[in-house]
Amino acid sequence: MADPEAIFNSDPLKLPGLFTGLGLKFSVNASKFRNNDVNISYSRTVVKASARAWFHPQIDDDGSNSFENCAAFVLALKNHCKDSNPKATAESALESLDQANYTV
């Protein structure tokens, strides 16, 4: 099975696809992904850039991590990636819309 699509920043809209892809990868390869440490360490390979900067210090050289289980990892990543100002983000997205080809 192919690796899930990597996320390169802390975009919360990318998380559902990442979690779905990871869940499928773990299910299809259950003998390889047999415990939380292995699953979380693998997850590090598909988290890039600013998201990885958050993630990297939480994994030790031996592969152990600071998360109690995969659910705790998912919650921590969701909290890290959540939009701190959704109203401003929505306003910015609306302001950036281009209607140059729109005629009345």
Protein backbone atom coordinates (compact mmCIF):
# COMPACT_ATOMS: atom_id res chain seq x y z
CA MET A 1 0.00 0.00 0.00
CA ALA A 2 1.23 3.50 -0.85
CA ASP A 3 2.24 5.94 1.84
CA PRO A 4 -0.33 8.58 2.82
CA GLU A 5 0.08 12.01 1.26
CA ALA A 6 2.56 14.02 3.31
CA ILE A 7 1.51 17.22 5.01
CA PHE A 8 4.03 20.05 4.77
CA ASN A 9 2.57 22.59 7.14
CA SER A 10 0.14 22.73 9.99
CA ASP A 11 -2.95 22.95 7.76
CA PRO A 12 -5.87 21.50 9.74
CA LEU A 13 -7.75 20.76 6.50
CA LYS A 14 -5.10 18.18 5.56
CA LEU A 15 -5.42 16.20 8.79
CA PRO A 16 -8.49 14.07 7.96
CA GLY A 17 -6.79 12.75 4.82
CA LEU A 18 -3.58 12.11 6.71
CA PHE A 19 -5.33 10.21 9.50
CA THR A 20 -7.37 8.17 7.02
CA GLY A 21 -4.26 7.29 5.06
CA LEU A 22 -2.34 6.31 8.17
CA GLY A 23 -5.22 4.19 9.45
CA LEU A 24 -5.42 2.32 6.15
CA LYS A 25 -1.65 1.81 6.05
CA PHE A 26 -1.65 0.44 9.60
CA SER A 27 -4.64 -1.86 8.94
CA VAL A 28 -3.29 -3.32 5.71
CA ASN A 29 0.15 -3.88 7.23
CA ALA A 30 -0.92 -4.90 10.74
CA SER A 31 2.04 -7.24 11.23
CA LYS A 32 4.49 -4.39 10.55
CA PHE A 33 2.59 -1.75 12.54
CA ARG A 34 2.08 -3.74 15.72
CA ASN A 35 2.29 -1.07 18.46
CA ASN A 36 1.92 2.62 19.21
CA ASP A 37 5.64 3.42 19.08
CA VAL A 38 6.03 1.92 15.61
CA ASN A 39 2.88 3.64 14.32
CA ILE A 40 3.83 7.04 15.71
CA SER A 41 7.42 6.76 14.49
CA TYR A 42 6.15 5.92 11.00
CA SER A 43 3.79 8.90 11.13
CA ARG A 44 6.86 11.12 11.43
CA THR A 45 7.82 10.17 7.85
CA VAL A 46 4.70 11.77 6.37
CA VAL A 47 4.77 14.95 8.44
CA LYS A 48 7.07 17.58 6.90
CA ALA A 49 8.19 21.19 7.37
CA SER A 50 6.51 23.12 10.20
CA ALA A 51 4.43 20.14 11.30
CA ARG A 52 7.61 18.06 11.60
CA ALA A 53 9.32 20.80 13.61
CA TRP A 54 6.61 20.31 16.24
CA PHE A 55 6.70 16.52 16.00
CA HIS A 56 10.45 15.82 15.92
CA PRO A 57 11.33 16.67 19.56
CA GLN A 58 8.65 14.27 20.80
CA ILE A 59 10.35 11.20 19.31
CA ASP A 60 13.48 9.81 20.98
CA ASP A 61 16.39 8.30 19.05
CA ASP A 62 15.26 4.80 20.03
CA GLY A 63 11.77 5.41 18.54
CA SER A 64 9.99 5.85 21.85
CA ASN A 65 7.78 8.89 22.21
CA SER A 66 5.97 11.02 24.73
CA PHE A 67 2.46 9.97 23.65
CA GLU A 68 0.45 7.53 25.74
CA ASN A 69 -1.09 6.00 22.60
CA CYS A 70 -2.03 6.81 18.99
CA ALA A 71 -5.20 8.61 20.09
CA ALA A 72 -3.10 10.96 22.23
CA PHE A 73 -0.82 11.61 19.23
CA VAL A 74 -3.82 12.39 17.00
CA LEU A 75 -5.27 14.77 19.58
CA ALA A 76 -1.93 16.54 20.07
CA LEU A 77 -1.44 16.98 16.31
CA LYS A 78 -5.00 18.28 15.92
CA ASN A 79 -4.41 20.77 18.73
CA HIS A 80 -1.11 21.86 17.18
CA CYS A 81 -2.70 22.39 13.75
CA LYS A 82 -5.94 24.05 14.78
CA ASP A 83 -6.59 27.52 13.46
CA SER A 84 -5.96 30.03 16.22
CA ASN A 85 -8.16 32.65 14.54
CA PRO A 86 -10.74 31.03 12.22
CA LYS A 87 -12.61 34.30 11.67
CA ALA A 88 -9.51 36.07 10.35
CA THR A 89 -8.65 33.06 8.21
CA ALA A 90 -12.13 33.06 6.66
CA GLU A 91 -12.00 36.81 6.06
CA SER A 92 -8.60 36.50 4.39
CA ALA A 93 -9.85 33.68 2.16
CA LEU A 94 -12.87 35.74 1.12
CA GLU A 95 -10.70 38.78 0.38
CA SER A 96 -8.39 36.73 -1.81
CA LEU A 97 -11.18 35.49 -4.09
CA ASP A 98 -10.75 36.66 -7.67
CA GLN A 99 -13.79 37.38 -9.79
CA ALA A 100 -11.94 38.97 -12.72
CA ASN A 101 -13.91 36.98 -15.30
CA TYR A 102 -17.30 37.62 -13.71
CA THR A 103 -19.78 39.69 -15.69
CA VAL A 104 -23.28 40.82 -14.79
